Amino acid sequence: MNLMVPVDADTSSLLMALSASLDVPPAFIVSKALECGLVSFSGLASCLVETDEKRQTQ
């Protein structure tokens, strides 16, 4: 996984778990995080949930 931001092992495994549970590539999650201007994972999670809900309602 090649990210432009430094990622520790915990963050990396969390990212992989998120990507698996939402069925999106890790890069998508990272791009969403940057798009949302988020640095915290709680904020990132809520942003991803909103994105996922929008995707499901379309």
N, C-alpha and C. Protein backbone atom coordinates (compact mmCIF):
# COMPACT_ATOMS: atom_id res chain seq x y z
N MET A 1 0.85 -1.18 0.00
CA MET A 1 0.00 0.00 0.00
C MET A 1 0.89 1.24 0.00
N ASN A 2 0.75 2.04 -1.01
CA ASN A 2 1.62 3.21 -1.15
C ASN A 2 0.82 4.48 -0.89
N LEU A 3 0.97 5.01 0.31
CA LEU A 3 0.24 6.22 0.68
C LEU A 3 1.20 7.40 0.75
N MET A 4 0.67 8.57 0.50
CA MET A 4 1.50 9.76 0.55
C MET A 4 1.68 10.27 1.98
N VAL A 5 0.94 9.71 2.90
CA VAL A 5 1.05 10.13 4.30
C VAL A 5 1.68 9.00 5.11
N PRO A 6 2.42 9.34 6.15
CA PRO A 6 3.01 8.28 6.97
C PRO A 6 1.91 7.51 7.70
N VAL A 7 1.98 6.20 7.63
CA VAL A 7 0.96 5.36 8.23
C VAL A 7 1.62 4.31 9.10
N ASP A 8 1.21 4.24 10.37
CA ASP A 8 1.77 3.21 11.23
C ASP A 8 0.98 1.91 11.06
N ALA A 9 1.45 0.85 11.69
CA ALA A 9 0.84 -0.46 11.49
C ALA A 9 -0.63 -0.49 11.93
N ASP A 10 -0.94 0.16 13.05
CA ASP A 10 -2.32 0.18 13.53
C ASP A 10 -3.24 0.89 12.54
N THR A 11 -2.78 2.02 12.06
CA THR A 11 -3.57 2.78 11.10
C THR A 11 -3.76 1.99 9.82
N SER A 12 -2.69 1.34 9.39
CA SER A 12 -2.75 0.54 8.18
C SER A 12 -3.75 -0.60 8.30
N SER A 13 -3.73 -1.31 9.43
CA SER A 13 -4.67 -2.42 9.60
C SER A 13 -6.10 -1.90 9.73
N LEU A 14 -6.28 -0.74 10.35
CA LEU A 14 -7.60 -0.15 10.45
C LEU A 14 -8.11 0.23 9.06
N LEU A 15 -7.22 0.79 8.26
CA LEU A 15 -7.55 1.16 6.89
C LEU A 15 -7.97 -0.06 6.09
N MET A 16 -7.22 -1.15 6.24
CA MET A 16 -7.55 -2.39 5.53
C MET A 16 -8.91 -2.94 5.99
N ALA A 17 -9.16 -2.87 7.30
CA ALA A 17 -10.44 -3.36 7.83
C ALA A 17 -11.60 -2.52 7.30
N LEU A 18 -11.41 -1.21 7.29
CA LEU A 18 -12.44 -0.32 6.75
C LEU A 18 -12.68 -0.61 5.28
N SER A 19 -11.61 -0.78 4.54
CA SER A 19 -11.75 -1.00 3.11
C SER A 19 -12.45 -2.32 2.84
N ALA A 20 -12.16 -3.34 3.65
CA ALA A 20 -12.82 -4.64 3.47
C ALA A 20 -14.31 -4.55 3.84
N SER A 21 -14.62 -3.87 4.94
CA SER A 21 -16.01 -3.82 5.38
C SER A 21 -16.88 -2.97 4.46
N LEU A 22 -16.30 -1.93 3.86
CA LEU A 22 -17.07 -1.09 2.94
C LEU A 22 -16.95 -1.55 1.50
N ASP A 23 -16.07 -2.55 1.27
CA ASP A 23 -15.86 -3.08 -0.07
C ASP A 23 -15.40 -1.99 -1.04
N VAL A 24 -14.46 -1.18 -0.58
CA VAL A 24 -13.83 -0.17 -1.44
C VAL A 24 -12.32 -0.29 -1.27
N PRO A 25 -11.55 0.12 -2.28
CA PRO A 25 -10.09 0.04 -2.14
C PRO A 25 -9.57 1.02 -1.10
N PRO A 26 -8.47 0.68 -0.43
CA PRO A 26 -7.88 1.58 0.57
C PRO A 26 -7.60 2.97 0.00
N ALA A 27 -7.18 3.03 -1.25
CA ALA A 27 -6.90 4.33 -1.87
C ALA A 27 -8.15 5.21 -1.91
N PHE A 28 -9.31 4.59 -2.09
CA PHE A 28 -10.56 5.34 -2.10
C PHE A 28 -10.80 5.98 -0.73
N ILE A 29 -10.53 5.20 0.31
CA ILE A 29 -10.71 5.70 1.67
C ILE A 29 -9.77 6.87 1.93
N VAL A 30 -8.53 6.72 1.51
CA VAL A 30 -7.55 7.79 1.70
C VAL A 30 -7.97 9.03 0.92
N SER A 31 -8.42 8.85 -0.32
CA SER A 31 -8.83 10.01 -1.11
C SER A 31 -10.05 10.68 -0.50
N LYS A 32 -10.96 9.88 0.06
CA LYS A 32 -12.12 10.44 0.75
C LYS A 32 -11.68 11.25 1.97
N ALA A 33 -10.72 10.70 2.70
CA ALA A 33 -10.22 11.39 3.89
C ALA A 33 -9.65 12.75 3.51
N LEU A 34 -8.88 12.78 2.43
CA LEU A 34 -8.28 14.03 1.99
C LEU A 34 -9.36 14.98 1.49
N GLU A 35 -10.33 14.44 0.78
CA GLU A 35 -11.43 15.23 0.26
C GLU A 35 -12.22 15.86 1.40
N CYS A 36 -12.42 15.09 2.46
CA CYS A 36 -13.17 15.57 3.62
C CYS A 36 -12.29 16.44 4.53
N GLY A 37 -11.00 16.50 4.24
CA GLY A 37 -10.10 17.29 5.06
C GLY A 37 -9.93 16.72 6.45
N LEU A 38 -9.95 15.40 6.56
CA LEU A 38 -9.95 14.77 7.88
C LEU A 38 -8.60 14.20 8.24
N VAL A 39 -8.26 14.31 9.49
CA VAL A 39 -7.05 13.68 9.98
C VAL A 39 -7.36 12.68 11.08
N SER A 40 -8.56 12.75 11.65
CA SER A 40 -8.92 11.82 12.72
C SER A 40 -9.75 10.68 12.16
N PHE A 41 -9.56 9.49 12.73
CA PHE A 41 -10.28 8.34 12.21
C PHE A 41 -11.76 8.36 12.56
N SER A 42 -12.13 9.00 13.67
CA SER A 42 -13.56 9.08 13.98
C SER A 42 -14.26 9.95 12.94
N GLY A 43 -13.62 11.04 12.56
CA GLY A 43 -14.18 11.89 11.52
C GLY A 43 -14.21 11.18 10.18
N LEU A 44 -13.14 10.44 9.90
CA LEU A 44 -13.06 9.69 8.64
C LEU A 44 -14.16 8.65 8.57
N ALA A 45 -14.39 7.95 9.67
CA ALA A 45 -15.43 6.92 9.69
C ALA A 45 -16.80 7.52 9.38
N SER A 46 -17.13 8.65 10.00
CA SER A 46 -18.45 9.24 9.75
C SER A 46 -18.56 9.74 8.32
N CYS A 47 -17.47 10.25 7.77
CA CYS A 47 -17.47 10.69 6.38
C CYS A 47 -17.71 9.50 5.45
N LEU A 48 -17.04 8.39 5.74
CA LEU A 48 -17.20 7.20 4.91
C LEU A 48 -18.61 6.63 5.00
N VAL A 49 -19.19 6.67 6.19
CA VAL A 49 -20.55 6.17 6.36
C VAL A 49 -21.51 7.03 5.54
N GLU A 50 -21.34 8.34 5.59
CA GLU A 50 -22.19 9.23 4.79
C GLU A 50 -22.04 8.91 3.32
N THR A 51 -20.80 8.74 2.87
CA THR A 51 -20.53 8.43 1.47
C THR A 51 -21.20 7.12 1.09
N ASP A 52 -21.08 6.13 1.96
CA ASP A 52 -21.66 4.82 1.70
C ASP A 52 -23.18 4.90 1.64
N GLU A 53 -23.78 5.68 2.55
CA GLU A 53 -25.23 5.82 2.56
C GLU A 53 -25.71 6.52 1.28
N LYS A 54 -24.99 7.53 0.85
CA LYS A 54 -25.36 8.22 -0.38
C LYS A 54 -25.29 7.26 -1.56
N ARG A 55 -24.24 6.44 -1.58
CA ARG A 55 -24.05 5.50 -2.67
C ARG A 55 -25.19 4.48 -2.69
N GLN A 56 -25.65 4.05 -1.53
CA GLN A 56 -26.70 3.03 -1.46
C GLN A 56 -28.07 3.60 -1.82
N THR A 57 -28.28 4.89 -1.58
CA THR A 57 -29.59 5.46 -1.86
C THR A 57 -29.74 5.89 -3.31
N GLN A 58 -28.65 5.94 -4.04
CA GLN A 58 -28.73 6.35 -5.45
C GLN A 58 -29.26 5.23 -6.32
